[in-house]
């Protein structure tokens, strides 16, 4: 085989690897985690869940509750990292008989540039503890452009590994658009409505 043909074949193989890798990370992840018990829907997260930046009743949790016609307990705490959230998981989630937990955490860890492995190990532990109650988990990806790419790609991998439902990049198209944001990090009422738009279809499937 000539050197030229070898180069052509090598180039084709590299192209296949690149395309396959792109497809793996960009394909839709559509697994729906179904609850096996429990009573309450709980949104567990940081300031995005608590509703910082939204007016009263217009945070994404309240919007979702109105749309699905069921109460959702808002267990968001502004400033929470995965470490702080793990410390309150028992009282704020597990003791409340969860049926479905919307898990939105990791943003503050990313902003503080905490070690990536520790962040996702704690998220995995939270999902495992929630699953042990029979509750389903809906993991929310937090992937603004200013986070490192390695951090961004870990959310879907975690959802796949732990068999959780998943909504990718909840802030996509919001950050940097002043008409949708109350500040550089937190969506306003319009932005929260868009977040609810992205979560609602998956949540409804989990409730079926």
N, C-alpha and C. Protein backbone atom coordinates (compact mmCIF):
# COMPACT_ATOMS: atom_id res chain seq x y z
N UNK A 1 0.85 -1.19 0.00
CA UNK A 1 0.00 0.00 0.00
C UNK A 1 0.89 1.24 0.00
N UNK A 2 0.55 2.19 -0.87
CA UNK A 2 1.37 3.39 -0.97
C UNK A 2 1.19 4.26 0.26
N UNK A 3 2.18 5.13 0.47
CA UNK A 3 2.12 6.06 1.61
C UNK A 3 0.91 6.98 1.47
N UNK A 4 0.61 7.38 0.23
CA UNK A 4 -0.53 8.28 0.01
C UNK A 4 -1.84 7.61 0.43
N UNK A 5 -2.02 6.33 0.07
CA UNK A 5 -3.23 5.62 0.45
C UNK A 5 -3.31 5.45 1.96
N UNK A 6 -2.16 5.19 2.58
CA UNK A 6 -2.14 5.07 4.04
C UNK A 6 -2.61 6.36 4.69
N UNK A 7 -2.15 7.50 4.16
CA UNK A 7 -2.56 8.80 4.70
C UNK A 7 -4.05 9.02 4.53
N UNK A 8 -4.57 8.60 3.37
CA UNK A 8 -6.01 8.77 3.11
C UNK A 8 -6.83 7.93 4.09
N UNK A 9 -6.42 6.67 4.27
CA UNK A 9 -7.14 5.78 5.20
C UNK A 9 -7.06 6.31 6.62
N UNK A 10 -5.87 6.78 7.00
CA UNK A 10 -5.69 7.34 8.34
C UNK A 10 -6.60 8.55 8.54
N UNK A 11 -6.68 9.40 7.50
CA UNK A 11 -7.54 10.58 7.59
C UNK A 11 -9.00 10.21 7.74
N UNK A 12 -9.42 9.17 7.00
CA UNK A 12 -10.81 8.71 7.10
C UNK A 12 -11.11 8.19 8.50
N UNK A 13 -10.18 7.41 9.06
CA UNK A 13 -10.38 6.87 10.40
C UNK A 13 -10.48 7.98 11.44
N UNK A 14 -9.62 8.98 11.31
CA UNK A 14 -9.67 10.11 12.24
C UNK A 14 -11.01 10.83 12.12
N UNK A 15 -11.48 10.98 10.88
CA UNK A 15 -12.78 11.63 10.66
C UNK A 15 -13.91 10.86 11.31
N UNK A 16 -13.87 9.53 11.19
CA UNK A 16 -14.90 8.69 11.81
C UNK A 16 -14.89 8.85 13.32
N UNK A 17 -13.70 8.87 13.90
CA UNK A 17 -13.58 9.03 15.36
C UNK A 17 -14.15 10.37 15.80
N UNK A 18 -13.82 11.44 15.07
CA UNK A 18 -14.31 12.78 15.42
C UNK A 18 -15.83 12.84 15.34
N UNK A 19 -16.38 12.31 14.25
CA UNK A 19 -17.84 12.34 14.08
C UNK A 19 -18.53 11.50 15.15
N UNK A 20 -17.96 10.33 15.45
CA UNK A 20 -18.56 9.46 16.47
C UNK A 20 -18.54 10.12 17.84
N UNK A 21 -17.43 10.79 18.15
CA UNK A 21 -17.33 11.49 19.43
C UNK A 21 -18.34 12.62 19.51
N UNK A 22 -18.46 13.39 18.43
CA UNK A 22 -19.44 14.49 18.41
C UNK A 22 -20.84 13.94 18.59
N UNK A 23 -21.16 12.85 17.90
CA UNK A 23 -22.50 12.27 17.99
C UNK A 23 -22.80 11.81 19.40
N UNK A 24 -21.80 11.20 20.05
CA UNK A 24 -22.02 10.69 21.40
C UNK A 24 -22.38 11.81 22.36
N UNK A 25 -21.66 12.93 22.26
CA UNK A 25 -21.87 14.00 23.22
C UNK A 25 -23.03 14.92 22.86
N UNK A 26 -23.55 14.82 21.62
CA UNK A 26 -24.62 15.72 21.22
C UNK A 26 -25.95 14.99 20.97
N UNK A 27 -25.94 13.68 21.04
CA UNK A 27 -27.19 12.97 20.84
C UNK A 27 -28.12 13.24 22.02
N UNK A 28 -29.41 13.13 21.78
CA UNK A 28 -30.34 13.35 22.85
C UNK A 28 -30.30 12.20 23.85
N UNK A 29 -30.37 12.54 25.11
CA UNK A 29 -30.46 11.53 26.16
C UNK A 29 -31.89 11.58 26.66
N UNK A 30 -32.65 10.53 26.39
CA UNK A 30 -34.09 10.59 26.59
C UNK A 30 -34.61 9.65 27.67
N UNK A 31 -33.73 9.13 28.51
CA UNK A 31 -34.17 8.21 29.56
C UNK A 31 -35.12 8.93 30.52
N UNK A 32 -36.21 8.27 30.87
CA UNK A 32 -37.17 8.83 31.82
C UNK A 32 -37.14 7.99 33.09
N UNK A 33 -36.73 8.62 34.17
CA UNK A 33 -36.67 7.98 35.48
C UNK A 33 -38.07 8.02 36.10
N UNK A 34 -38.60 6.87 36.44
CA UNK A 34 -39.96 6.79 36.99
C UNK A 34 -39.92 6.54 38.49
N UNK A 35 -40.76 7.24 39.25
CA UNK A 35 -40.79 7.02 40.70
C UNK A 35 -41.39 5.66 41.05
N UNK A 36 -40.87 5.07 42.12
CA UNK A 36 -41.37 3.79 42.61
C UNK A 36 -42.09 3.95 43.95
N UNK A 37 -42.20 5.18 44.40
CA UNK A 37 -42.86 5.45 45.66
C UNK A 37 -42.75 6.93 45.99
N UNK A 38 -43.14 7.29 47.20
CA UNK A 38 -43.04 8.67 47.63
C UNK A 38 -44.30 9.46 47.36
N UNK A 39 -44.30 10.71 47.84
CA UNK A 39 -45.50 11.55 47.76
C UNK A 39 -45.26 12.89 47.09
N UNK A 40 -44.12 13.52 47.35
CA UNK A 40 -43.94 14.93 46.99
C UNK A 40 -42.96 15.14 45.85
N UNK A 41 -43.22 16.18 45.07
CA UNK A 41 -42.25 16.67 44.10
C UNK A 41 -41.44 17.76 44.79
N UNK A 42 -40.13 17.63 44.76
CA UNK A 42 -39.25 18.57 45.45
C UNK A 42 -38.22 19.10 44.48
N UNK A 43 -38.05 20.42 44.45
CA UNK A 43 -36.98 21.04 43.67
C UNK A 43 -35.85 21.39 44.63
N UNK A 44 -34.71 20.75 44.44
CA UNK A 44 -33.58 20.87 45.35
C UNK A 44 -32.43 21.52 44.60
N UNK A 45 -32.05 22.72 45.03
CA UNK A 45 -31.01 23.41 44.28
C UNK A 45 -30.49 24.64 44.98
N UNK A 46 -29.94 25.54 44.17
CA UNK A 46 -29.33 26.76 44.69
C UNK A 46 -30.21 27.96 44.35
N UNK A 47 -29.60 29.11 44.08
CA UNK A 47 -30.37 30.33 43.85
C UNK A 47 -31.27 30.26 42.62
N UNK A 48 -30.87 29.48 41.61
CA UNK A 48 -31.72 29.34 40.42
C UNK A 48 -33.05 28.70 40.79
N UNK A 49 -33.02 27.75 41.72
CA UNK A 49 -34.24 27.10 42.18
C UNK A 49 -34.97 27.95 43.20
N UNK A 50 -34.25 28.56 44.10
CA UNK A 50 -34.88 29.42 45.10
C UNK A 50 -35.67 30.55 44.44
N UNK A 51 -35.17 31.02 43.30
CA UNK A 51 -35.90 32.04 42.55
C UNK A 51 -35.25 33.41 42.56
N UNK A 52 -33.98 33.48 42.89
CA UNK A 52 -33.27 34.76 42.85
C UNK A 52 -33.38 35.37 41.45
N UNK A 53 -33.84 36.61 41.39
CA UNK A 53 -33.98 37.29 40.12
C UNK A 53 -35.39 37.29 39.56
N UNK A 54 -36.25 36.43 40.10
CA UNK A 54 -37.64 36.36 39.65
C UNK A 54 -38.54 37.04 40.67
N UNK A 55 -39.64 37.58 40.21
CA UNK A 55 -40.62 38.15 41.13
C UNK A 55 -41.40 37.02 41.80
N UNK A 56 -42.09 37.34 42.88
CA UNK A 56 -42.80 36.33 43.66
C UNK A 56 -43.77 35.55 42.78
N UNK A 57 -43.66 34.23 42.83
CA UNK A 57 -44.54 33.36 42.07
C UNK A 57 -44.13 33.13 40.64
N UNK A 58 -43.01 33.72 40.22
CA UNK A 58 -42.57 33.56 38.84
C UNK A 58 -41.23 32.85 38.70
N UNK A 59 -40.74 32.26 39.79
CA UNK A 59 -39.58 31.38 39.69
C UNK A 59 -40.01 30.12 38.94
N UNK A 60 -39.05 29.40 38.37
CA UNK A 60 -39.41 28.27 37.52
C UNK A 60 -40.18 27.19 38.28
N UNK A 61 -39.91 27.05 39.59
CA UNK A 61 -40.61 26.04 40.38
C UNK A 61 -42.09 26.37 40.48
N UNK A 62 -42.41 27.62 40.80
CA UNK A 62 -43.81 28.03 40.89
C UNK A 62 -44.52 27.93 39.55
N UNK A 63 -43.81 28.30 38.49
CA UNK A 63 -44.39 28.21 37.14
C UNK A 63 -44.72 26.75 36.81
N UNK A 64 -43.79 25.85 37.09
CA UNK A 64 -44.02 24.43 36.83
C UNK A 64 -45.21 23.90 37.63
N UNK A 65 -45.28 24.28 38.90
CA UNK A 65 -46.37 23.81 39.76
C UNK A 65 -47.73 24.21 39.19
N UNK A 66 -47.84 25.44 38.71
CA UNK A 66 -49.10 25.89 38.12
C UNK A 66 -49.41 25.11 36.85
N UNK A 67 -48.41 24.87 36.05
CA UNK A 67 -48.64 24.21 34.76
C UNK A 67 -49.08 22.76 34.93
N UNK A 68 -48.47 22.04 35.87
CA UNK A 68 -48.81 20.62 36.03
C UNK A 68 -49.96 20.42 37.01
N UNK A 69 -50.35 21.48 37.70
CA UNK A 69 -51.47 21.39 38.63
C UNK A 69 -51.16 20.61 39.88
N UNK A 70 -49.89 20.60 40.28
CA UNK A 70 -49.48 19.90 41.50
C UNK A 70 -48.49 20.76 42.26
N UNK A 71 -48.53 20.71 43.60
CA UNK A 71 -47.55 21.48 44.37
C UNK A 71 -46.14 20.93 44.20
N UNK A 72 -45.18 21.82 44.20
CA UNK A 72 -43.76 21.43 44.19
C UNK A 72 -43.09 22.15 45.35
N UNK A 73 -42.48 21.39 46.22
CA UNK A 73 -41.76 21.98 47.35
C UNK A 73 -40.47 22.62 46.85
N UNK A 74 -40.30 23.90 47.15
CA UNK A 74 -39.08 24.59 46.73
C UNK A 74 -38.05 24.49 47.85
N UNK A 75 -37.02 23.68 47.62
CA UNK A 75 -35.94 23.50 48.59
C UNK A 75 -34.64 24.08 48.04
N UNK A 76 -34.77 25.21 47.35
CA UNK A 76 -33.59 25.90 46.84
C UNK A 76 -33.03 26.84 47.89
N UNK A 77 -31.71 26.92 47.97
CA UNK A 77 -31.03 27.83 48.90
C UNK A 77 -29.93 28.56 48.14
N UNK A 78 -30.05 29.87 48.08
CA UNK A 78 -29.07 30.67 47.35
C UNK A 78 -27.67 30.45 47.92
N UNK A 79 -26.70 30.32 47.04
CA UNK A 79 -25.32 30.16 47.45
C UNK A 79 -24.88 28.73 47.70
N UNK A 80 -25.81 27.79 47.62
CA UNK A 80 -25.46 26.41 47.93
C UNK A 80 -24.47 25.83 46.92
N UNK A 81 -23.46 25.17 47.45
CA UNK A 81 -22.58 24.31 46.67
C UNK A 81 -23.07 22.88 46.85
N UNK A 82 -22.48 21.95 46.12
CA UNK A 82 -22.87 20.55 46.30
C UNK A 82 -22.53 20.07 47.71
N UNK A 83 -21.47 20.60 48.29
CA UNK A 83 -21.09 20.20 49.65
C UNK A 83 -22.14 20.66 50.66
N UNK A 84 -22.57 21.91 50.56
CA UNK A 84 -23.59 22.43 51.47
C UNK A 84 -24.92 21.72 51.27
N UNK A 85 -25.26 21.47 50.01
CA UNK A 85 -26.54 20.81 49.72
C UNK A 85 -26.56 19.37 50.24
N UNK A 86 -25.45 18.68 50.10
CA UNK A 86 -25.39 17.30 50.59
C UNK A 86 -25.64 17.25 52.10
N UNK A 87 -25.18 18.27 52.80
CA UNK A 87 -25.34 18.31 54.26
C UNK A 87 -26.80 18.47 54.67
N UNK A 88 -27.64 19.04 53.80
CA UNK A 88 -29.05 19.23 54.15
C UNK A 88 -29.98 18.31 53.37
N UNK A 89 -29.43 17.39 52.61
CA UNK A 89 -30.24 16.50 51.79
C UNK A 89 -31.24 15.70 52.63
N UNK A 90 -30.80 15.20 53.76
CA UNK A 90 -31.67 14.36 54.58
C UNK A 90 -32.92 15.12 55.03
N UNK A 91 -32.71 16.28 55.63
CA UNK A 91 -33.85 17.01 56.20
C UNK A 91 -34.70 17.69 55.14
N UNK A 92 -34.07 18.21 54.09
CA UNK A 92 -34.81 18.99 53.10
C UNK A 92 -35.41 18.16 51.98
N UNK A 93 -34.92 16.92 51.82
CA UNK A 93 -35.43 16.08 50.73
C UNK A 93 -35.88 14.71 51.23
N UNK A 94 -34.96 13.93 51.76
CA UNK A 94 -35.25 12.54 52.06
C UNK A 94 -36.33 12.38 53.12
N UNK A 95 -36.36 13.28 54.10
CA UNK A 95 -37.37 13.19 55.17
C UNK A 95 -38.74 13.68 54.72
N UNK A 96 -38.82 14.22 53.51
CA UNK A 96 -40.08 14.78 53.03
C UNK A 96 -40.81 13.83 52.07
N UNK A 97 -40.46 12.58 52.08
CA UNK A 97 -41.13 11.55 51.26
C UNK A 97 -41.17 11.95 49.78
N UNK A 98 -39.99 12.10 49.17
CA UNK A 98 -39.97 12.55 47.77
C UNK A 98 -40.50 11.50 46.81
N UNK A 99 -41.20 11.97 45.80
CA UNK A 99 -41.63 11.13 44.68
C UNK A 99 -40.78 11.43 43.46
N UNK A 100 -40.57 12.72 43.21
CA UNK A 100 -39.67 13.17 42.15
C UNK A 100 -38.85 14.32 42.71
N UNK A 101 -37.54 14.29 42.47
CA UNK A 101 -36.66 15.37 42.90
C UNK A 101 -36.02 16.01 41.68
N UNK A 102 -36.27 17.30 41.51
CA UNK A 102 -35.58 18.09 40.49
C UNK A 102 -34.28 18.54 41.13
N UNK A 103 -33.16 18.07 40.60
CA UNK A 103 -31.85 18.32 41.22
C UNK A 103 -31.07 19.33 40.38
N UNK A 104 -30.94 20.53 40.91
CA UNK A 104 -30.27 21.63 40.18
C UNK A 104 -29.15 22.18 41.06
N UNK A 105 -27.96 21.66 40.87
CA UNK A 105 -26.81 22.07 41.68
C UNK A 105 -25.54 21.99 40.84
N UNK A 106 -24.50 22.63 41.33
CA UNK A 106 -23.20 22.59 40.66
C UNK A 106 -22.76 23.93 40.12
N UNK A 107 -23.71 24.86 39.97
CA UNK A 107 -23.35 26.16 39.42
C UNK A 107 -22.38 26.93 40.29
N UNK A 108 -22.64 26.95 41.60
CA UNK A 108 -21.75 27.68 42.50
C UNK A 108 -20.39 27.00 42.61
N UNK A 109 -20.38 25.68 42.53
CA UNK A 109 -19.10 24.97 42.51
C UNK A 109 -18.28 25.39 41.29
N UNK A 110 -18.96 25.50 40.15
CA UNK A 110 -18.28 25.90 38.93
C UNK A 110 -17.74 27.32 39.02
N UNK A 111 -18.55 28.22 39.57
CA UNK A 111 -18.11 29.61 39.71
C UNK A 111 -16.91 29.71 40.66
N UNK A 112 -16.89 28.85 41.67
CA UNK A 112 -15.80 28.86 42.64
C UNK A 112 -14.63 27.98 42.20
N UNK A 113 -14.77 27.37 41.01
CA UNK A 113 -13.72 26.52 40.43
C UNK A 113 -13.29 25.41 41.39
N UNK A 114 -14.29 24.77 41.98
CA UNK A 114 -14.01 23.64 42.86
C UNK A 114 -13.63 22.42 42.02
N UNK A 115 -12.85 21.51 42.58
CA UNK A 115 -12.41 20.33 41.82
C UNK A 115 -13.60 19.57 41.22
N UNK A 116 -13.51 19.30 39.94
CA UNK A 116 -14.63 18.73 39.20
C UNK A 116 -15.03 17.36 39.73
N UNK A 117 -14.07 16.51 39.99
CA UNK A 117 -14.40 15.16 40.44
C UNK A 117 -15.19 15.18 41.74
N UNK A 118 -14.80 16.05 42.66
CA UNK A 118 -15.52 16.14 43.92
C UNK A 118 -16.95 16.60 43.73
N UNK A 119 -17.16 17.57 42.84
CA UNK A 119 -18.50 18.08 42.56
C UNK A 119 -19.41 16.96 42.07
N UNK A 120 -18.94 16.21 41.09
CA UNK A 120 -19.80 15.19 40.49
C UNK A 120 -19.88 13.92 41.33
N UNK A 121 -18.90 13.68 42.17
CA UNK A 121 -19.03 12.58 43.13
C UNK A 121 -20.14 12.88 44.13
N UNK A 122 -20.21 14.14 44.57
CA UNK A 122 -21.27 14.52 45.52
C UNK A 122 -22.64 14.49 44.85
N UNK A 123 -22.72 14.95 43.61
CA UNK A 123 -24.00 14.86 42.89
C UNK A 123 -24.43 13.40 42.72
N UNK A 124 -23.48 12.54 42.40
CA UNK A 124 -23.79 11.12 42.25
C UNK A 124 -24.31 10.54 43.56
N UNK A 125 -23.67 10.91 44.66
CA UNK A 125 -24.10 10.41 45.97
C UNK A 125 -25.51 10.89 46.29
N UNK A 126 -25.82 12.14 45.95
CA UNK A 126 -27.18 12.65 46.18
C UNK A 126 -28.20 11.85 45.38
N UNK A 127 -27.90 11.60 44.11
CA UNK A 127 -28.83 10.84 43.27
C UNK A 127 -29.03 9.44 43.84
N UNK A 128 -27.96 8.81 44.27
CA UNK A 128 -28.06 7.47 44.83
C UNK A 128 -28.91 7.45 46.10
N UNK A 129 -28.72 8.43 46.96
CA UNK A 129 -29.51 8.51 48.19
C UNK A 129 -30.99 8.75 47.88
N UNK A 130 -31.26 9.61 46.91
CA UNK A 130 -32.65 9.88 46.53
C UNK A 130 -33.27 8.63 45.92
N UNK A 131 -32.55 7.96 45.03
CA UNK A 131 -33.06 6.74 44.42
C UNK A 131 -33.35 5.66 45.47
N UNK A 132 -32.58 5.64 46.53
CA UNK A 132 -32.76 4.60 47.55
C UNK A 132 -34.11 4.71 48.25
N UNK A 133 -34.76 5.88 48.15
CA UNK A 133 -36.09 6.06 48.75
C UNK A 133 -37.21 5.62 47.81
N UNK A 134 -36.86 5.32 46.56
CA UNK A 134 -37.87 5.00 45.55
C UNK A 134 -38.25 6.19 44.70
N UNK A 135 -37.67 7.34 45.00
CA UNK A 135 -37.96 8.56 44.24
C UNK A 135 -37.18 8.57 42.93
N UNK A 136 -37.75 9.25 41.94
CA UNK A 136 -37.06 9.49 40.68
C UNK A 136 -36.31 10.81 40.75
N UNK A 137 -35.32 10.97 39.88
CA UNK A 137 -34.50 12.19 39.86
C UNK A 137 -34.51 12.80 38.46
N UNK A 138 -34.69 14.11 38.43
CA UNK A 138 -34.55 14.88 37.19
C UNK A 138 -33.35 15.80 37.38
N UNK A 139 -32.24 15.45 36.76
CA UNK A 139 -31.00 16.21 36.89
C UNK A 139 -30.99 17.36 35.89
N UNK A 140 -30.64 18.55 36.39
CA UNK A 140 -30.58 19.75 35.55
C UNK A 140 -29.12 20.09 35.27
N UNK A 141 -28.77 20.20 34.00
CA UNK A 141 -27.42 20.59 33.62
C UNK A 141 -27.24 22.10 33.70
N UNK A 142 -26.14 22.52 34.29
CA UNK A 142 -25.80 23.94 34.40
C UNK A 142 -24.54 24.16 33.57
N UNK A 143 -24.67 24.78 32.40
CA UNK A 143 -23.54 24.82 31.49
C UNK A 143 -23.36 26.19 30.83
N UNK A 144 -23.26 27.27 31.59
CA UNK A 144 -23.01 28.56 30.94
C UNK A 144 -21.65 28.58 30.26
N UNK A 145 -21.51 29.48 29.32
CA UNK A 145 -20.33 29.49 28.46
C UNK A 145 -19.03 29.71 29.23
N UNK A 146 -19.12 30.33 30.41
CA UNK A 146 -17.89 30.64 31.13
C UNK A 146 -17.40 29.49 32.00
N UNK A 147 -18.11 28.33 31.99
CA UNK A 147 -17.60 27.14 32.66
C UNK A 147 -16.68 26.40 31.69
N UNK A 148 -15.72 25.68 32.24
CA UNK A 148 -14.82 24.91 31.38
C UNK A 148 -15.59 23.76 30.75
N UNK A 149 -15.19 23.38 29.54
CA UNK A 149 -15.93 22.38 28.78
C UNK A 149 -15.99 21.04 29.50
N UNK A 150 -14.91 20.67 30.20
CA UNK A 150 -14.91 19.40 30.91
C UNK A 150 -16.02 19.36 31.95
N UNK A 151 -16.23 20.49 32.62
CA UNK A 151 -17.30 20.58 33.61
C UNK A 151 -18.65 20.40 32.93
N UNK A 152 -18.82 21.08 31.80
CA UNK A 152 -20.09 21.04 31.09
C UNK A 152 -20.49 19.62 30.68
N UNK A 153 -19.54 18.85 30.19
CA UNK A 153 -19.86 17.53 29.63
C UNK A 153 -20.19 16.49 30.69
N UNK A 154 -19.92 16.78 31.94
CA UNK A 154 -20.08 15.77 32.98
C UNK A 154 -21.53 15.54 33.40
N UNK A 155 -22.40 16.52 33.21
CA UNK A 155 -23.79 16.37 33.66
C UNK A 155 -24.49 15.22 32.95
N UNK A 156 -24.41 15.18 31.62
CA UNK A 156 -25.09 14.10 30.90
C UNK A 156 -24.48 12.75 31.24
N UNK A 157 -23.17 12.69 31.36
CA UNK A 157 -22.51 11.43 31.73
C UNK A 157 -23.03 10.94 33.08
N UNK A 158 -23.22 11.88 34.01
CA UNK A 158 -23.72 11.51 35.34
C UNK A 158 -25.15 10.99 35.25
N UNK A 159 -26.00 11.67 34.48
CA UNK A 159 -27.38 11.22 34.32
C UNK A 159 -27.43 9.82 33.73
N UNK A 160 -26.60 9.57 32.72
CA UNK A 160 -26.58 8.25 32.10
C UNK A 160 -26.12 7.18 33.08
N UNK A 161 -25.08 7.48 33.83
CA UNK A 161 -24.54 6.49 34.76
C UNK A 161 -25.52 6.16 35.88
N UNK A 162 -26.21 7.19 36.39
CA UNK A 162 -27.09 6.99 37.55
C UNK A 162 -28.55 6.77 37.15
N UNK A 163 -28.83 6.72 35.85
CA UNK A 163 -30.19 6.48 35.35
C UNK A 163 -31.18 7.52 35.88
N UNK A 164 -30.82 8.77 35.69
CA UNK A 164 -31.70 9.88 36.06
C UNK A 164 -32.24 10.53 34.79
N UNK A 165 -33.42 11.11 34.88
CA UNK A 165 -33.90 11.96 33.79
C UNK A 165 -32.98 13.18 33.71
N UNK A 166 -32.98 13.84 32.56
CA UNK A 166 -31.98 14.89 32.36
C UNK A 166 -32.52 16.00 31.48
N UNK A 167 -32.24 17.24 31.89
CA UNK A 167 -32.46 18.42 31.06
C UNK A 167 -31.11 19.11 30.90
N UNK A 168 -30.67 19.24 29.68
CA UNK A 168 -29.33 19.76 29.40
C UNK A 168 -29.31 21.29 29.39
N UNK A 169 -28.26 21.84 29.98
CA UNK A 169 -27.92 23.26 29.81
C UNK A 169 -29.11 24.18 29.99
N UNK A 170 -29.62 24.24 31.20
CA UNK A 170 -30.85 24.98 31.49
C UNK A 170 -30.71 26.48 31.21
N UNK A 171 -29.48 26.99 31.20
CA UNK A 171 -29.26 28.43 30.97
C UNK A 171 -28.90 28.74 29.52
N UNK A 172 -28.98 27.76 28.63
CA UNK A 172 -28.61 27.98 27.24
C UNK A 172 -29.45 29.10 26.62
N UNK A 173 -28.78 30.07 26.02
CA UNK A 173 -29.47 31.16 25.37
C UNK A 173 -30.01 32.22 26.30
N UNK A 174 -29.78 32.06 27.61
CA UNK A 174 -30.26 33.05 28.58
C UNK A 174 -29.13 33.99 29.01
N UNK A 175 -28.01 33.40 29.43
CA UNK A 175 -26.88 34.20 29.90
C UNK A 175 -26.38 35.09 28.77
N UNK A 176 -26.24 36.37 29.08
CA UNK A 176 -25.78 37.32 28.08
C UNK A 176 -26.89 38.04 27.36
N UNK A 177 -28.14 37.65 27.63
CA UNK A 177 -29.29 38.30 27.01
C UNK A 177 -30.05 39.07 28.09
N UNK A 178 -29.82 40.37 28.13
CA UNK A 178 -30.34 41.21 29.20
C UNK A 178 -31.84 41.16 29.38
N UNK A 179 -32.57 40.93 28.29
CA UNK A 179 -34.03 40.90 28.39
C UNK A 179 -34.54 39.65 29.11
N UNK A 180 -33.64 38.67 29.33
CA UNK A 180 -34.03 37.42 29.99
C UNK A 180 -33.37 37.24 31.35
N UNK A 181 -32.49 38.17 31.72
CA UNK A 181 -31.70 38.03 32.94
C UNK A 181 -31.93 39.20 33.89
N UNK A 182 -31.89 38.90 35.19
CA UNK A 182 -31.96 39.97 36.19
C UNK A 182 -30.57 40.48 36.55
N UNK A 183 -29.57 39.63 36.35
CA UNK A 183 -28.16 40.00 36.51
C UNK A 183 -27.35 39.06 35.63
N UNK A 184 -26.06 38.98 35.84
CA UNK A 184 -25.23 38.18 34.94
C UNK A 184 -25.43 36.68 35.09
N UNK A 185 -26.06 36.25 36.17
CA UNK A 185 -26.19 34.82 36.46
C UNK A 185 -27.64 34.36 36.56
N UNK A 186 -28.52 35.22 37.08
CA UNK A 186 -29.88 34.79 37.42
C UNK A 186 -30.91 35.27 36.40
N UNK A 187 -31.72 34.36 35.87
CA UNK A 187 -32.78 34.76 34.94
C UNK A 187 -33.87 35.57 35.64
N UNK A 188 -34.53 36.43 34.86
CA UNK A 188 -35.69 37.16 35.36
C UNK A 188 -36.95 36.33 35.13
N UNK A 189 -38.12 36.95 35.21
CA UNK A 189 -39.37 36.20 35.04
C UNK A 189 -39.43 35.51 33.68
N UNK A 190 -39.05 36.23 32.62
CA UNK A 190 -39.07 35.62 31.29
C UNK A 190 -38.09 34.46 31.19
N UNK A 191 -36.92 34.64 31.77
CA UNK A 191 -35.93 33.57 31.75
C UNK A 191 -36.38 32.35 32.54
N UNK A 192 -37.03 32.59 33.67
CA UNK A 192 -37.55 31.47 34.47
C UNK A 192 -38.65 30.72 33.73
N UNK A 193 -39.46 31.44 32.96
CA UNK A 193 -40.50 30.78 32.16
C UNK A 193 -39.87 29.87 31.12
N UNK A 194 -38.75 30.30 30.54
CA UNK A 194 -38.05 29.46 29.56
C UNK A 194 -37.46 28.22 30.25
N UNK A 195 -36.90 28.41 31.45
CA UNK A 195 -36.41 27.26 32.20
C UNK A 195 -37.53 26.25 32.44
N UNK A 196 -38.70 26.76 32.82
CA UNK A 196 -39.85 25.88 33.03
C UNK A 196 -40.25 25.18 31.74
N UNK A 197 -40.17 25.89 30.61
CA UNK A 197 -40.48 25.29 29.31
C UNK A 197 -39.61 24.06 29.06
N UNK A 198 -38.36 24.13 29.46
CA UNK A 198 -37.41 23.05 29.19
C UNK A 198 -37.60 21.87 30.13
N UNK A 199 -38.02 22.14 31.34
CA UNK A 199 -38.19 21.08 32.33
C UNK A 199 -39.54 20.39 32.20
N UNK A 200 -40.57 21.14 31.87
CA UNK A 200 -41.94 20.64 31.90
C UNK A 200 -42.17 19.35 31.11
N UNK A 201 -41.71 19.23 29.85
CA UNK A 201 -42.00 18.00 29.10
C UNK A 201 -41.42 16.75 29.76
N UNK A 202 -40.23 16.87 30.31
CA UNK A 202 -39.59 15.72 30.97
C UNK A 202 -40.33 15.39 32.26
N UNK A 203 -40.67 16.41 33.02
CA UNK A 203 -41.39 16.19 34.28
C UNK A 203 -42.74 15.53 34.03
N UNK A 204 -43.44 15.95 33.01
CA UNK A 204 -44.74 15.34 32.69
C UNK A 204 -44.58 13.86 32.35
N UNK A 205 -43.55 13.52 31.62
CA UNK A 205 -43.31 12.11 31.28
C UNK A 205 -43.01 11.29 32.54
N UNK A 206 -42.31 11.90 33.48
CA UNK A 206 -42.00 11.20 34.72
C UNK A 206 -43.25 10.96 35.56
N UNK A 207 -44.24 11.83 35.41
CA UNK A 207 -45.48 11.73 36.18
C UNK A 207 -46.49 10.78 35.56
N UNK A 208 -46.28 10.39 34.31
CA UNK A 208 -47.24 9.52 33.62
C UNK A 208 -47.25 8.11 34.20
